[in-house]
């Protein structure tokens, strides 16, 4: 069985994001870029499934320009067998991403697709759901635990009311949450070995995916500056300050 894992190049979660002075986007000049944390967890889970003998191959996929090859090499260093770059110079919205993944699924015929529940840059949390609908296969989103059993997988989902346990037939699409696992540390020898692993580049046009209806972001702005807080002596002063500000 093949497992297909999607990864995205994002600004590292430890970096404080800065908006360009003209509001045209986010400043990425000299900024550390990394694999989206949720996608890293998805890849770790796929590797554990393969290491347990329940999969034969793990393939990492990223959509974007040649700069995303750095993150694909990170995925290979973690242990993925192959990497595929769907090459396109412009960022894609979730529906176009799902269509591109579907074309790749038709080529690779994976038994399982694992994605992060969302990317930390746009926070859409839509690609997995759209892909499952286009593929007409079951989905299990926001997974914190998954156990393969033959041709099905039992998934524990994190929902507003707590935890939900479901079982879906394979092939299926799973999107993972933060508590699924702790990704492994990538060692230098593994990084060197990753340079010799295959990385295929497929132009988006070759997949026959039409980019339609993309949302255009017209302006970026940082969050408003917060007022400086004050220290109060006791609960009575706190209550008085809240009354003065019309909060109670």
Protein backbone atom coordinates (compact mmCIF):
# COMPACT_ATOMS: atom_id res chain seq x y z
CA UNK A 1 0.00 0.00 0.00
CA UNK A 2 1.15 3.53 -0.82
CA UNK A 3 0.55 6.47 1.51
CA UNK A 4 0.43 9.94 0.00
CA UNK A 5 1.29 12.83 2.35
CA UNK A 6 0.84 16.49 1.47
CA UNK A 7 3.28 19.03 2.92
CA UNK A 8 3.36 22.81 2.59
CA UNK A 9 6.18 25.36 2.82
CA UNK A 10 5.30 27.99 5.45
CA UNK A 11 7.02 30.58 7.61
CA UNK A 12 8.45 28.73 10.61
CA UNK A 13 6.07 28.81 13.58
CA UNK A 14 8.82 30.26 15.80
CA UNK A 15 9.20 33.32 13.57
CA UNK A 16 7.26 36.50 14.25
CA UNK A 17 5.42 37.30 11.02
CA UNK A 18 5.90 40.82 9.63
CA UNK A 19 3.63 42.51 7.11
CA UNK A 20 5.28 44.47 4.28
CA UNK A 21 5.05 48.25 4.63
CA UNK A 22 2.84 48.57 1.53
CA UNK A 23 0.43 45.89 2.79
CA UNK A 24 1.01 43.70 -0.27
CA UNK A 25 1.96 40.58 1.65
CA UNK A 26 4.09 38.99 4.35
CA UNK A 27 7.81 39.70 4.52
CA UNK A 28 9.65 36.43 3.78
CA UNK A 29 13.06 37.95 2.94
CA UNK A 30 15.64 36.11 5.05
CA UNK A 31 12.87 34.41 7.06
CA UNK A 32 13.20 30.78 8.07
CA UNK A 33 10.76 28.57 6.15
CA UNK A 34 9.72 25.11 7.34
CA UNK A 35 7.28 22.27 6.78
CA UNK A 36 3.82 23.16 8.06
CA UNK A 37 3.70 21.61 11.59
CA UNK A 38 0.44 19.72 10.98
CA UNK A 39 1.89 18.25 7.77
CA UNK A 40 5.02 17.16 9.62
CA UNK A 41 2.79 15.24 12.04
CA UNK A 42 0.96 13.68 9.06
CA UNK A 43 4.27 12.50 7.61
CA UNK A 44 5.43 11.09 10.94
CA UNK A 45 2.22 9.05 11.20
CA UNK A 46 2.67 7.71 7.67
CA UNK A 47 6.23 6.67 8.47
CA UNK A 48 5.10 4.87 11.63
CA UNK A 49 2.45 2.99 9.62
CA UNK A 50 5.10 1.88 7.11
CA UNK A 51 7.54 0.90 9.88
CA UNK A 52 4.78 -1.23 11.46
CA UNK A 53 4.55 -3.18 8.19
CA UNK A 54 1.17 -1.78 7.11
CA UNK A 55 2.44 0.20 4.10
CA UNK A 56 5.09 -0.31 1.44
CA UNK A 57 5.83 3.25 0.37
CA UNK A 58 5.43 6.81 1.67
CA UNK A 59 5.33 9.63 -0.90
CA UNK A 60 5.51 13.30 0.07
CA UNK A 61 3.89 15.86 -2.21
CA UNK A 62 4.12 19.65 -2.25
CA UNK A 63 2.54 22.20 -4.57
CA UNK A 64 4.47 25.34 -5.45
CA UNK A 65 7.65 26.77 -6.96
CA UNK A 66 11.10 25.20 -6.78
CA UNK A 67 11.64 26.68 -3.32
CA UNK A 68 9.34 24.00 -1.86
CA UNK A 69 11.92 21.37 -2.83
CA UNK A 70 13.72 22.27 0.40
CA UNK A 71 10.72 21.04 2.42
CA UNK A 72 10.37 17.97 0.22
CA UNK A 73 14.02 17.13 0.97
CA UNK A 74 13.19 17.49 4.67
CA UNK A 75 10.38 14.98 4.18
CA UNK A 76 12.80 12.61 2.46
CA UNK A 77 15.27 13.06 5.32
CA UNK A 78 12.55 12.10 7.79
CA UNK A 79 12.17 8.83 5.91
CA UNK A 80 9.79 9.26 2.96
CA UNK A 81 10.61 7.02 -0.01
CA UNK A 82 9.81 9.48 -2.80
CA UNK A 83 8.95 13.15 -3.25
CA UNK A 84 6.79 14.84 -5.87
CA UNK A 85 6.62 18.57 -6.58
CA UNK A 86 3.54 19.81 -8.43
CA UNK A 87 5.16 22.86 -9.98
CA UNK A 88 3.27 26.14 -10.19
CA UNK A 89 4.48 29.71 -9.63
CA UNK A 90 1.29 30.94 -7.98
CA UNK A 91 -0.30 29.89 -4.67
CA UNK A 92 -3.41 27.74 -5.00
CA UNK A 93 -6.64 27.90 -3.05
CA UNK A 94 -7.96 24.68 -1.40
CA UNK A 95 -10.25 23.63 -4.27
CA UNK A 96 -7.45 23.87 -6.86
CA UNK A 97 -5.12 22.05 -4.46
CA UNK A 98 -7.66 19.26 -4.04
CA UNK A 99 -8.03 18.93 -7.82
CA UNK A 100 -4.25 18.70 -8.22
CA UNK A 101 -4.02 16.05 -5.48
CA UNK A 102 -6.83 14.09 -7.15
CA UNK A 103 -4.93 13.93 -10.44
CA UNK A 104 -1.87 12.68 -8.60
CA UNK A 105 -3.97 10.08 -6.77
CA UNK A 106 -5.19 8.80 -10.12
CA UNK A 107 -1.55 8.30 -11.14
CA UNK A 108 -0.19 6.82 -7.90
CA UNK A 109 -3.28 4.90 -6.64
CA UNK A 110 -2.51 5.28 -2.90
CA UNK A 111 -4.44 3.35 -0.27
CA UNK A 112 -4.33 6.27 2.15
CA UNK A 113 -3.89 10.05 1.91
CA UNK A 114 -2.82 11.89 5.07
CA UNK A 115 -2.82 15.68 5.33
CA UNK A 116 -2.39 18.19 8.12
CA UNK A 117 -5.73 19.54 9.31
CA UNK A 118 -4.71 23.07 8.20
CA UNK A 119 -1.76 25.23 7.23
CA UNK A 120 -0.58 27.78 9.77
CA UNK A 121 -0.37 30.57 7.17
CA UNK A 122 -3.93 30.67 5.82
CA UNK A 123 -5.74 28.38 8.34
CA UNK A 124 -8.32 27.29 5.75
CA UNK A 125 -8.72 23.66 6.88
CA UNK A 126 -10.55 22.78 3.66
CA UNK A 127 -8.27 20.78 1.35
CA UNK A 128 -8.76 17.35 2.96
CA UNK A 129 -12.55 17.66 2.95
CA UNK A 130 -12.65 18.85 -0.67
CA UNK A 131 -10.28 16.10 -1.79
CA UNK A 132 -12.41 13.40 -0.17
CA UNK A 133 -15.52 14.77 -1.90
CA UNK A 134 -13.83 14.93 -5.32
CA UNK A 135 -12.31 11.45 -4.87
CA UNK A 136 -15.64 10.12 -3.58
CA UNK A 137 -13.89 8.36 -0.71
CA UNK A 138 -14.43 8.42 3.10
CA UNK A 139 -12.76 11.09 5.22
CA UNK A 140 -11.79 11.44 8.89
CA UNK A 141 -10.72 14.93 9.88
CA UNK A 142 -8.94 16.34 12.98
CA UNK A 143 -7.56 12.91 13.88
CA UNK A 144 -5.57 12.49 17.10
CA UNK A 145 -5.22 8.69 16.77
CA UNK A 146 -5.55 6.16 13.97
CA UNK A 147 -5.22 2.38 13.88
CA UNK A 148 -5.17 0.38 10.65
CA UNK A 149 -7.03 -2.91 10.56
CA UNK A 150 -6.94 -4.60 7.18
CA UNK A 151 -8.98 -2.57 4.72
CA UNK A 152 -10.25 -0.08 7.29
CA UNK A 153 -8.87 2.42 9.77
CA UNK A 154 -10.23 3.38 13.19
CA UNK A 155 -9.84 7.09 13.88
CA UNK A 156 -10.24 9.15 17.04
CA UNK A 157 -11.32 12.67 16.10
CA UNK A 158 -11.03 15.84 18.16
CA UNK A 159 -14.38 17.62 18.04
CA UNK A 160 -15.92 20.50 19.98
CA UNK A 161 -17.68 18.17 22.41
CA UNK A 162 -14.58 16.05 23.09
CA UNK A 163 -13.49 12.92 21.21
CA UNK A 164 -15.32 10.95 18.53
CA UNK A 165 -14.37 7.45 17.33
CA UNK A 166 -15.22 6.40 13.78
CA UNK A 167 -14.15 3.71 11.34
CA UNK A 168 -13.66 4.35 7.62
CA UNK A 169 -12.91 2.02 4.72
CA UNK A 170 -9.74 2.42 2.68
CA UNK A 171 -8.82 4.22 0.47
CA UNK A 172 -9.57 7.28 2.58
CA UNK A 173 -8.44 10.80 3.39
CA UNK A 174 -7.27 11.56 6.94
CA UNK A 175 -6.38 15.01 8.29
CA UNK A 176 -4.38 15.02 11.51
CA UNK A 177 -4.37 17.22 14.61
CA UNK A 178 -1.50 18.27 16.87
CA UNK A 179 -1.91 15.48 19.42
CA UNK A 180 -1.46 12.68 16.88
CA UNK A 181 2.28 12.25 17.55
CA UNK A 182 5.65 13.93 18.07
CA UNK A 183 7.62 14.15 14.77
CA UNK A 184 11.09 12.66 14.78
CA UNK A 185 14.26 14.75 14.78
CA UNK A 186 16.04 14.85 11.42
CA UNK A 187 19.73 13.90 11.70
CA UNK A 188 22.53 15.14 9.45
CA UNK A 189 23.27 11.68 7.89
CA UNK A 190 19.59 11.43 6.94
CA UNK A 191 19.75 14.87 5.30
CA UNK A 192 22.72 13.72 3.21
CA UNK A 193 20.94 10.50 2.21
CA UNK A 194 17.85 12.50 1.21
CA UNK A 195 19.82 14.21 -1.55
CA UNK A 196 20.06 10.87 -3.37
CA UNK A 197 16.37 10.00 -3.10
CA UNK A 198 14.13 10.63 -6.14
CA UNK A 199 12.29 13.95 -6.40
CA UNK A 200 9.92 14.20 -9.36
CA UNK A 201 8.72 17.54 -10.75
CA UNK A 202 5.33 17.61 -12.47
CA UNK A 203 4.11 20.93 -13.95
CA UNK A 204 0.56 21.73 -12.89
CA UNK A 205 -0.43 22.12 -16.56
CA UNK A 206 0.59 18.50 -17.18
CA UNK A 207 -2.06 17.37 -14.69
CA UNK A 208 -4.74 19.26 -16.60
CA UNK A 209 -5.95 21.18 -13.55
CA UNK A 210 -7.71 24.46 -14.27
CA UNK A 211 -7.16 27.19 -11.69
CA UNK A 212 -10.55 28.86 -11.38
CA UNK A 213 -12.25 31.09 -8.86
CA UNK A 214 -9.15 31.84 -6.81
CA UNK A 215 -9.65 34.30 -3.97
CA UNK A 216 -7.49 37.40 -4.36
CA UNK A 217 -6.14 39.01 -1.18
CA UNK A 218 -6.10 42.77 -1.76
CA UNK A 219 -4.41 43.90 1.44
CA UNK A 220 -2.52 42.58 4.47
CA UNK A 221 -2.41 44.33 7.85
CA UNK A 222 -0.94 43.45 11.25
CA UNK A 223 -3.33 43.06 14.20
CA UNK A 224 -4.14 46.34 16.01
CA UNK A 225 -1.78 47.39 18.78
CA UNK A 226 -3.05 46.31 22.18
CA UNK A 227 -3.31 48.85 25.00
CA UNK A 228 -0.79 48.46 27.76
CA UNK A 229 -2.21 46.68 30.80
CA UNK A 230 -2.20 47.99 34.36
CA UNK A 231 -1.41 46.36 37.70
CA UNK A 232 -4.12 46.47 40.38
CA UNK A 233 -3.65 46.13 44.12
CA UNK A 234 -6.66 43.99 44.91
CA UNK A 235 -9.96 42.62 43.63
CA UNK A 236 -11.85 45.79 44.58
CA UNK A 237 -9.61 47.90 42.36
CA UNK A 238 -10.00 45.37 39.55
CA UNK A 239 -13.79 45.62 39.77
CA UNK A 240 -13.61 49.42 39.79
CA UNK A 241 -11.37 49.48 36.70
CA UNK A 242 -13.76 47.17 34.86
CA UNK A 243 -16.67 49.46 35.76
CA UNK A 244 -14.71 52.53 34.61
CA UNK A 245 -14.16 50.89 31.22
CA UNK A 246 -17.83 49.91 30.91
CA UNK A 247 -17.06 46.18 30.92
CA UNK A 248 -19.32 45.38 33.86
